[in-house]
C-alpha atoms as a PDB file:
ATOM      1  CA  UNK A   1      -4.037   3.967 -16.710  1.00  0.00           C
ATOM      2  CA  UNK A   2      -3.668   4.588 -13.062  1.00  0.00           C
ATOM      3  CA  UNK A   3      -4.934   1.956 -10.432  1.00  0.00           C
ATOM      4  CA  UNK A   4      -4.888   2.801  -6.797  1.00  0.00           C
ATOM      5  CA  UNK A   5      -5.222   0.016  -4.066  1.00  0.00           C
ATOM      6  CA  UNK A   6      -6.121   1.313  -0.542  1.00  0.00           C
ATOM      7  CA  UNK A   7      -4.897  -1.615   1.767  1.00  0.00           C
ATOM      8  CA  UNK A   8      -6.251  -1.493   5.386  1.00  0.00           C
ATOM      9  CA  UNK A   9      -5.931  -5.382   5.979  1.00  0.00           C
ATOM     10  CA  UNK A  10      -2.700  -7.059   7.547  1.00  0.00           C
ATOM     11  CA  UNK A  11      -1.049  -9.311   5.242  1.00  0.00           C
ATOM     12  CA  UNK A  12      -2.484 -12.299   7.344  1.00  0.00           C
ATOM     13  CA  UNK A  13      -6.057 -11.415   6.437  1.00  0.00           C
ATOM     14  CA  UNK A  14      -8.194 -12.694   3.581  1.00  0.00           C
ATOM     15  CA  UNK A  15      -8.763  -9.070   2.192  1.00  0.00           C
ATOM     16  CA  UNK A  16      -4.860  -8.788   1.806  1.00  0.00           C
ATOM     17  CA  UNK A  17      -5.010 -12.150  -0.458  1.00  0.00           C
ATOM     18  CA  UNK A  18      -7.891 -10.727  -2.535  1.00  0.00           C
ATOM     19  CA  UNK A  19      -5.744  -7.604  -3.063  1.00  0.00           C
ATOM     20  CA  UNK A  20      -2.951  -9.726  -4.396  1.00  0.00           C
ATOM     21  CA  UNK A  21      -5.181 -11.614  -6.897  1.00  0.00           C
ATOM     22  CA  UNK A  22      -6.441  -8.388  -8.122  1.00  0.00           C
ATOM     23  CA  UNK A  23      -3.137  -6.986  -8.359  1.00  0.00           C
ATOM     24  CA  UNK A  24      -1.644  -9.643 -10.422  1.00  0.00           C
ATOM     25  CA  UNK A  25      -4.353  -9.046 -12.961  1.00  0.00           C
ATOM     26  CA  UNK A  26      -3.840  -5.208 -13.557  1.00  0.00           C
ATOM     27  CA  UNK A  27      -0.046  -4.817 -12.723  1.00  0.00           C
ATOM     28  CA  UNK A  28       1.065  -5.639 -16.097  1.00  0.00           C
ATOM     29  CA  UNK A  29      -1.305  -3.339 -17.733  1.00  0.00           C
ATOM     30  CA  UNK A  30      -1.399  -0.279 -15.067  1.00  0.00           C
ATOM     31  CA  UNK A  31       0.645   1.984 -13.221  1.00  0.00           C
ATOM     32  CA  UNK A  32      -0.170   0.951  -9.715  1.00  0.00           C
ATOM     33  CA  UNK A  33      -0.336   3.183  -6.641  1.00  0.00           C
ATOM     34  CA  UNK A  34      -0.402   1.240  -3.306  1.00  0.00           C
ATOM     35  CA  UNK A  35      -1.407   3.215  -0.097  1.00  0.00           C
ATOM     36  CA  UNK A  36      -0.868   1.077   3.067  1.00  0.00           C
ATOM     37  CA  UNK A  37      -3.205   2.488   6.032  1.00  0.00           C
ATOM     38  CA  UNK A  38      -4.461   1.415   9.254  1.00  0.00           C
ATOM     39  CA  UNK A  39      -3.423  -2.356   9.701  1.00  0.00           C
ATOM     40  CA  UNK A  40      -2.345  -2.338   6.133  1.00  0.00           C
ATOM     41  CA  UNK A  41       0.950  -0.648   7.335  1.00  0.00           C
ATOM     42  CA  UNK A  42       1.942  -4.051   8.476  1.00  0.00           C
ATOM     43  CA  UNK A  43       2.800  -5.077   4.632  1.00  0.00           C
ATOM     44  CA  UNK A  44       5.087  -2.109   4.305  1.00  0.00           C
ATOM     45  CA  UNK A  45       7.634  -3.050   7.094  1.00  0.00           C
ATOM     46  CA  UNK A  46      10.241  -5.791   7.139  1.00  0.00           C
ATOM     47  CA  UNK A  47       9.507  -9.316   8.794  1.00  0.00           C
ATOM     48  CA  UNK A  48       5.932  -9.451   7.990  1.00  0.00           C
ATOM     49  CA  UNK A  49       3.966 -12.102   5.757  1.00  0.00           C
ATOM     50  CA  UNK A  50       4.193 -10.720   1.942  1.00  0.00           C
ATOM     51  CA  UNK A  51       6.754  -8.054   2.514  1.00  0.00           C
ATOM     52  CA  UNK A  52       8.913  -9.065  -0.314  1.00  0.00           C
ATOM     53  CA  UNK A  53       5.945  -8.678  -2.578  1.00  0.00           C
ATOM     54  CA  UNK A  54       5.374  -5.151  -1.207  1.00  0.00           C
ATOM     55  CA  UNK A  55       9.089  -4.543  -1.603  1.00  0.00           C
ATOM     56  CA  UNK A  56       9.143  -5.646  -5.184  1.00  0.00           C
ATOM     57  CA  UNK A  57       6.051  -3.249  -5.734  1.00  0.00           C
ATOM     58  CA  UNK A  58       7.669  -0.372  -4.125  1.00  0.00           C
ATOM     59  CA  UNK A  59      10.828  -0.987  -6.589  1.00  0.00           C
ATOM     60  CA  UNK A  60       8.550  -0.746  -9.531  1.00  0.00           C
ATOM     61  CA  UNK A  61       5.422   0.906  -8.661  1.00  0.00           C
ATOM     62  CA  UNK A  62       4.605   3.411  -5.974  1.00  0.00           C
ATOM     63  CA  UNK A  63       3.827   2.017  -2.314  1.00  0.00           C
ATOM     64  CA  UNK A  64       2.941   5.103   0.412  1.00  0.00           C
ATOM     65  CA  UNK A  65       2.646   4.334   3.830  1.00  0.00           C
ATOM     66  CA  UNK A  66       0.527   6.040   6.524  1.00  0.00           C
ATOM     67  CA  UNK A  67       3.255   7.600   8.955  1.00  0.00           C
ATOM     68  CA  UNK A  68       0.677   7.950  11.556  1.00  0.00           C
ATOM     69  CA  UNK A  69      -0.545   4.278  11.280  1.00  0.00           C
ATOM     70  CA  UNK A  70       3.091   3.229  11.761  1.00  0.00           C
ATOM     71  CA  UNK A  71       3.569   5.160  14.642  1.00  0.00           C
ATOM     72  CA  UNK A  72       0.420   4.004  16.353  1.00  0.00           C
ATOM     73  CA  UNK A  73       1.551   0.478  15.988  1.00  0.00           C
ATOM     74  CA  UNK A  74       5.214   0.983  17.060  1.00  0.00           C
ATOM     75  CA  UNK A  75       6.375   0.357  13.473  1.00  0.00           C
ATOM     76  CA  UNK A  76       7.953   3.509  12.386  1.00  0.00           C
ATOM     77  CA  UNK A  77      11.653   2.382  12.131  1.00  0.00           C
ATOM     78  CA  UNK A  78      11.720  -0.751   9.860  1.00  0.00           C
ATOM     79  CA  UNK A  79      10.024   0.635   6.834  1.00  0.00           C
ATOM     80  CA  UNK A  80      10.870  -1.329   3.213  1.00  0.00           C
ATOM     81  CA  UNK A  81      13.059   0.471   0.869  1.00  0.00           C
ATOM     82  CA  UNK A  82      11.417   2.074  -1.735  1.00  0.00           C
ATOM     83  CA  UNK A  83       8.327   2.916   0.308  1.00  0.00           C
ATOM     84  CA  UNK A  84       7.099   6.571   1.065  1.00  0.00           C
ATOM     85  CA  UNK A  85       5.349   8.179   4.068  1.00  0.00           C
ATOM     86  CA  UNK A  86       2.608  10.114   4.018  1.00  0.00           C
ATOM     87  CA  UNK A  87       1.543  12.201   6.790  1.00  0.00           C
ATOM     88  CA  UNK A  88      -2.242  13.439   6.220  1.00  0.00           C
ATOM     89  CA  UNK A  89      -5.035  11.520   5.050  1.00  0.00           C
ATOM     90  CA  UNK A  90      -6.243  14.769   3.366  1.00  0.00           C
ATOM     91  CA  UNK A  91      -3.409  14.314   0.852  1.00  0.00           C
ATOM     92  CA  UNK A  92      -4.219  10.874   0.351  1.00  0.00           C
ATOM     93  CA  UNK A  93      -7.897  11.675  -0.702  1.00  0.00           C
ATOM     94  CA  UNK A  94      -6.609  14.223  -3.082  1.00  0.00           C
ATOM     95  CA  UNK A  95      -4.403  12.199  -4.463  1.00  0.00           C
ATOM     96  CA  UNK A  96      -7.099   9.429  -5.082  1.00  0.00           C
ATOM     97  CA  UNK A  97      -9.440  12.181  -6.404  1.00  0.00           C
ATOM     98  CA  UNK A  98      -7.337  13.901  -8.594  1.00  0.00           C
ATOM     99  CA  UNK A  99      -4.752  11.205 -10.210  1.00  0.00           C
ATOM    100  CA  UNK A 100      -6.343   7.786 -10.018  1.00  0.00           C
ATOM    101  CA  UNK A 101      -8.534   6.313 -12.787  1.00  0.00           C
ATOM    102  CA  UNK A 102      -9.808   3.406 -10.668  1.00  0.00           C
ATOM    103  CA  UNK A 103      -9.437   2.863  -6.678  1.00  0.00           C
ATOM    104  CA  UNK A 104      -9.977  -0.473  -4.911  1.00  0.00           C
ATOM    105  CA  UNK A 105      -9.989  -0.767  -1.339  1.00  0.00           C
ATOM    106  CA  UNK A 106      -9.083  -4.077   0.808  1.00  0.00           C
END
């Protein structure tokens, strides 16, 4: 089963903590794909709260980060290892619709 998580919250917001709770339920039993968009991109760069968790996930699952959202926040240079950039929200939508069995958004 493929589970997609769309993260739009910073690692300091309650929604991000809810993501972590749900992630811990699914990560042992499903293929996890995480998309960091909007303010969620802060979780994909070094030096932010929960970066270690996202780095672990990038090594063991799939983490994709919006390049445009990184650039808009001046964060494009410090991406965690293992994370992939995506350039177009259309690609995100196609991936979600064609590949995911279930999608959560935080």
